[in-house]
Each structure stands twice: as C-alpha cells, then as structure tokens.
N, C-alpha and C. Protein backbone atom coordinates (compact mmCIF):
# COMPACT_ATOMS: atom_id res chain seq x y z
N UNK A 1 -27.44 -73.36 -94.73
CA UNK A 1 -26.05 -73.11 -95.11
C UNK A 1 -25.36 -74.44 -95.42
N UNK A 2 -24.50 -74.43 -96.42
CA UNK A 2 -23.76 -75.65 -96.74
C UNK A 2 -22.91 -76.10 -95.55
N UNK A 3 -22.59 -77.35 -95.55
CA UNK A 3 -21.80 -77.91 -94.46
C UNK A 3 -20.37 -77.39 -94.53
N UNK A 4 -19.89 -76.84 -93.44
CA UNK A 4 -18.50 -76.39 -93.34
C UNK A 4 -17.75 -77.38 -92.45
N UNK A 5 -16.45 -77.49 -92.70
CA UNK A 5 -15.64 -78.37 -91.86
C UNK A 5 -15.50 -77.76 -90.47
N UNK A 6 -15.10 -78.60 -89.54
CA UNK A 6 -14.90 -78.12 -88.16
C UNK A 6 -13.85 -77.01 -88.13
N UNK A 7 -12.79 -77.17 -88.92
CA UNK A 7 -11.72 -76.16 -88.96
C UNK A 7 -12.23 -74.86 -89.58
N UNK A 8 -13.03 -74.96 -90.62
CA UNK A 8 -13.58 -73.75 -91.24
C UNK A 8 -14.47 -73.00 -90.26
N UNK A 9 -15.30 -73.73 -89.52
CA UNK A 9 -16.14 -73.09 -88.51
C UNK A 9 -15.30 -72.43 -87.43
N UNK A 10 -14.23 -73.10 -87.04
CA UNK A 10 -13.33 -72.54 -86.02
C UNK A 10 -12.71 -71.23 -86.51
N UNK A 11 -12.24 -71.23 -87.74
CA UNK A 11 -11.63 -70.02 -88.32
C UNK A 11 -12.64 -68.89 -88.40
N UNK A 12 -13.83 -69.16 -88.92
CA UNK A 12 -14.82 -68.10 -89.10
C UNK A 12 -15.34 -67.59 -87.75
N UNK A 13 -15.39 -68.45 -86.75
CA UNK A 13 -15.78 -67.99 -85.41
C UNK A 13 -14.77 -67.00 -84.85
N UNK A 14 -13.48 -67.29 -85.00
CA UNK A 14 -12.46 -66.36 -84.52
C UNK A 14 -12.54 -65.04 -85.28
N UNK A 15 -12.73 -65.12 -86.60
CA UNK A 15 -12.84 -63.90 -87.40
C UNK A 15 -14.07 -63.10 -86.97
N UNK A 16 -15.19 -63.79 -86.75
CA UNK A 16 -16.42 -63.11 -86.33
C UNK A 16 -16.26 -62.44 -84.97
N UNK A 17 -15.38 -62.98 -84.14
CA UNK A 17 -15.16 -62.38 -82.82
C UNK A 17 -14.25 -61.16 -82.88
N UNK A 18 -13.77 -60.83 -84.09
CA UNK A 18 -12.97 -59.62 -84.25
C UNK A 18 -11.48 -59.84 -84.39
N UNK A 19 -11.05 -61.09 -84.44
CA UNK A 19 -9.62 -61.36 -84.59
C UNK A 19 -9.17 -61.14 -86.03
N UNK A 20 -7.92 -60.69 -86.18
CA UNK A 20 -7.33 -60.54 -87.51
C UNK A 20 -6.87 -61.91 -88.02
N UNK A 21 -6.71 -62.03 -89.33
CA UNK A 21 -6.28 -63.29 -89.91
C UNK A 21 -4.94 -63.75 -89.34
N UNK A 22 -4.03 -62.81 -89.13
CA UNK A 22 -2.71 -63.15 -88.57
C UNK A 22 -2.85 -63.71 -87.15
N UNK A 23 -3.76 -63.14 -86.37
CA UNK A 23 -3.98 -63.62 -85.01
C UNK A 23 -4.58 -65.02 -85.02
N UNK A 24 -5.53 -65.26 -85.92
CA UNK A 24 -6.18 -66.57 -86.03
C UNK A 24 -5.14 -67.61 -86.41
N UNK A 25 -4.28 -67.26 -87.36
CA UNK A 25 -3.23 -68.19 -87.78
C UNK A 25 -2.34 -68.57 -86.61
N UNK A 26 -1.94 -67.59 -85.82
CA UNK A 26 -1.10 -67.85 -84.66
C UNK A 26 -1.81 -68.69 -83.61
N UNK A 27 -3.07 -68.36 -83.34
CA UNK A 27 -3.86 -69.10 -82.35
C UNK A 27 -4.03 -70.57 -82.72
N UNK A 28 -4.23 -70.83 -84.01
CA UNK A 28 -4.53 -72.18 -84.46
C UNK A 28 -3.30 -72.94 -84.98
N UNK A 29 -2.16 -72.28 -84.99
CA UNK A 29 -0.94 -72.93 -85.47
C UNK A 29 -0.95 -73.15 -86.97
N UNK A 30 -1.55 -72.21 -87.70
CA UNK A 30 -1.63 -72.30 -89.15
C UNK A 30 -0.85 -71.14 -89.78
N UNK A 31 -0.59 -71.26 -91.07
CA UNK A 31 0.00 -70.12 -91.77
C UNK A 31 -1.13 -69.15 -92.11
N UNK A 32 -0.77 -67.89 -92.33
CA UNK A 32 -1.78 -66.91 -92.72
C UNK A 32 -2.42 -67.30 -94.04
N UNK A 33 -1.63 -67.90 -94.91
CA UNK A 33 -2.15 -68.35 -96.21
C UNK A 33 -3.23 -69.41 -96.04
N UNK A 34 -3.04 -70.31 -95.09
CA UNK A 34 -4.04 -71.35 -94.83
C UNK A 34 -5.34 -70.74 -94.32
N UNK A 35 -5.23 -69.75 -93.44
CA UNK A 35 -6.42 -69.06 -92.95
C UNK A 35 -7.14 -68.38 -94.11
N UNK A 36 -6.38 -67.72 -94.99
CA UNK A 36 -6.97 -67.09 -96.17
C UNK A 36 -7.69 -68.12 -97.04
N UNK A 37 -7.07 -69.27 -97.21
CA UNK A 37 -7.69 -70.33 -98.02
C UNK A 37 -8.99 -70.83 -97.40
N UNK A 38 -9.00 -71.00 -96.07
CA UNK A 38 -10.23 -71.41 -95.39
C UNK A 38 -11.33 -70.38 -95.62
N UNK A 39 -11.00 -69.11 -95.47
CA UNK A 39 -11.99 -68.05 -95.66
C UNK A 39 -12.49 -68.01 -97.10
N UNK A 40 -11.60 -68.22 -98.05
CA UNK A 40 -11.98 -68.23 -99.46
C UNK A 40 -12.96 -69.37 -99.73
N UNK A 41 -12.66 -70.56 -99.18
CA UNK A 41 -13.56 -71.70 -99.37
C UNK A 41 -14.92 -71.46 -98.71
N UNK A 42 -14.91 -70.86 -97.53
CA UNK A 42 -16.16 -70.55 -96.84
C UNK A 42 -17.01 -69.61 -97.69
N UNK A 43 -16.39 -68.53 -98.20
CA UNK A 43 -17.14 -67.58 -99.04
C UNK A 43 -17.69 -68.27 -100.29
N UNK A 44 -16.89 -69.14 -100.88
CA UNK A 44 -17.34 -69.86 -102.08
C UNK A 44 -18.52 -70.77 -101.76
N UNK A 45 -18.41 -71.55 -100.68
CA UNK A 45 -19.49 -72.48 -100.31
C UNK A 45 -20.78 -71.76 -99.97
N UNK A 46 -20.66 -70.58 -99.37
CA UNK A 46 -21.85 -69.82 -98.98
C UNK A 46 -22.33 -68.88 -100.09
N UNK A 47 -21.58 -68.82 -101.19
CA UNK A 47 -21.92 -67.98 -102.34
C UNK A 47 -22.07 -66.51 -101.95
N UNK A 48 -21.07 -66.01 -101.22
CA UNK A 48 -21.05 -64.60 -100.82
C UNK A 48 -19.75 -63.96 -101.29
N UNK A 49 -19.72 -62.63 -101.26
CA UNK A 49 -18.55 -61.91 -101.75
C UNK A 49 -17.58 -61.47 -100.67
N UNK A 50 -18.02 -61.48 -99.42
CA UNK A 50 -17.14 -60.99 -98.36
C UNK A 50 -17.25 -61.89 -97.13
N UNK A 51 -16.24 -61.79 -96.30
CA UNK A 51 -16.24 -62.55 -95.05
C UNK A 51 -17.36 -62.06 -94.14
N UNK A 52 -17.62 -60.75 -94.15
CA UNK A 52 -18.71 -60.20 -93.33
C UNK A 52 -20.05 -60.81 -93.75
N UNK A 53 -20.26 -60.96 -95.05
CA UNK A 53 -21.49 -61.59 -95.53
C UNK A 53 -21.56 -63.05 -95.08
N UNK A 54 -20.42 -63.74 -95.11
CA UNK A 54 -20.38 -65.14 -94.67
C UNK A 54 -20.78 -65.24 -93.20
N UNK A 55 -20.26 -64.35 -92.37
CA UNK A 55 -20.61 -64.35 -90.95
C UNK A 55 -22.11 -64.12 -90.80
N UNK A 56 -22.64 -63.17 -91.55
CA UNK A 56 -24.07 -62.87 -91.47
C UNK A 56 -24.91 -64.09 -91.84
N UNK A 57 -24.54 -64.79 -92.90
CA UNK A 57 -25.28 -65.98 -93.33
C UNK A 57 -25.23 -67.05 -92.24
N UNK A 58 -24.07 -67.25 -91.64
CA UNK A 58 -23.92 -68.28 -90.61
C UNK A 58 -24.68 -67.92 -89.34
N UNK A 59 -24.70 -66.66 -88.98
CA UNK A 59 -25.47 -66.24 -87.79
C UNK A 59 -26.95 -66.46 -88.05
N UNK A 60 -27.43 -66.06 -89.21
CA UNK A 60 -28.85 -66.21 -89.53
C UNK A 60 -29.27 -67.67 -89.60
N UNK A 61 -28.34 -68.53 -90.04
CA UNK A 61 -28.67 -69.96 -90.16
C UNK A 61 -28.59 -70.68 -88.82
N UNK A 62 -28.06 -69.99 -87.80
CA UNK A 62 -27.93 -70.60 -86.49
C UNK A 62 -26.69 -71.47 -86.34
N UNK A 63 -25.76 -71.38 -87.31
CA UNK A 63 -24.54 -72.20 -87.25
C UNK A 63 -23.69 -71.83 -86.04
N UNK A 64 -23.72 -70.57 -85.65
CA UNK A 64 -23.04 -70.13 -84.42
C UNK A 64 -23.56 -68.77 -84.03
N UNK A 65 -23.31 -68.42 -82.79
CA UNK A 65 -23.70 -67.12 -82.28
C UNK A 65 -22.50 -66.20 -82.31
N UNK A 66 -22.59 -65.13 -83.08
CA UNK A 66 -21.46 -64.19 -83.18
C UNK A 66 -21.60 -63.10 -82.14
C-alpha cells in the first residue's frame, strides 16, 4: 500500500472502527470537510472507489488491524 500520512491513518482507523465522518471530525478537532478530503486522498492513493475498499486494502497490507 502507498505511504499514508499519520493523520490519514488516524482518520481511516476511526472510520474503520465504525465512527461517522462527523464524529471523527469532532474527535480530531477537524472540520467535516477536512475529514472528507483525507478520505478522498486515501481512496486516490490506494486506487479504490470506496472507503470500505480502502479499509480492506489496508487490513490486507497489515497497515492496521480493523
């Protein structure tokens, strides 16, 4: 898997744990738009169409345990 920033990994871990984007934004002190942008960049870097696919790729690569 391509290298993701620490913040991108943090965002995708929260999403993988079942949190909504609004909850992640509140937890991390970000705007919802920023969380959306992180997720968009993650999907682009991993060449996938959905956040669920991104989580699957990261779990399979061992980047984190979901």
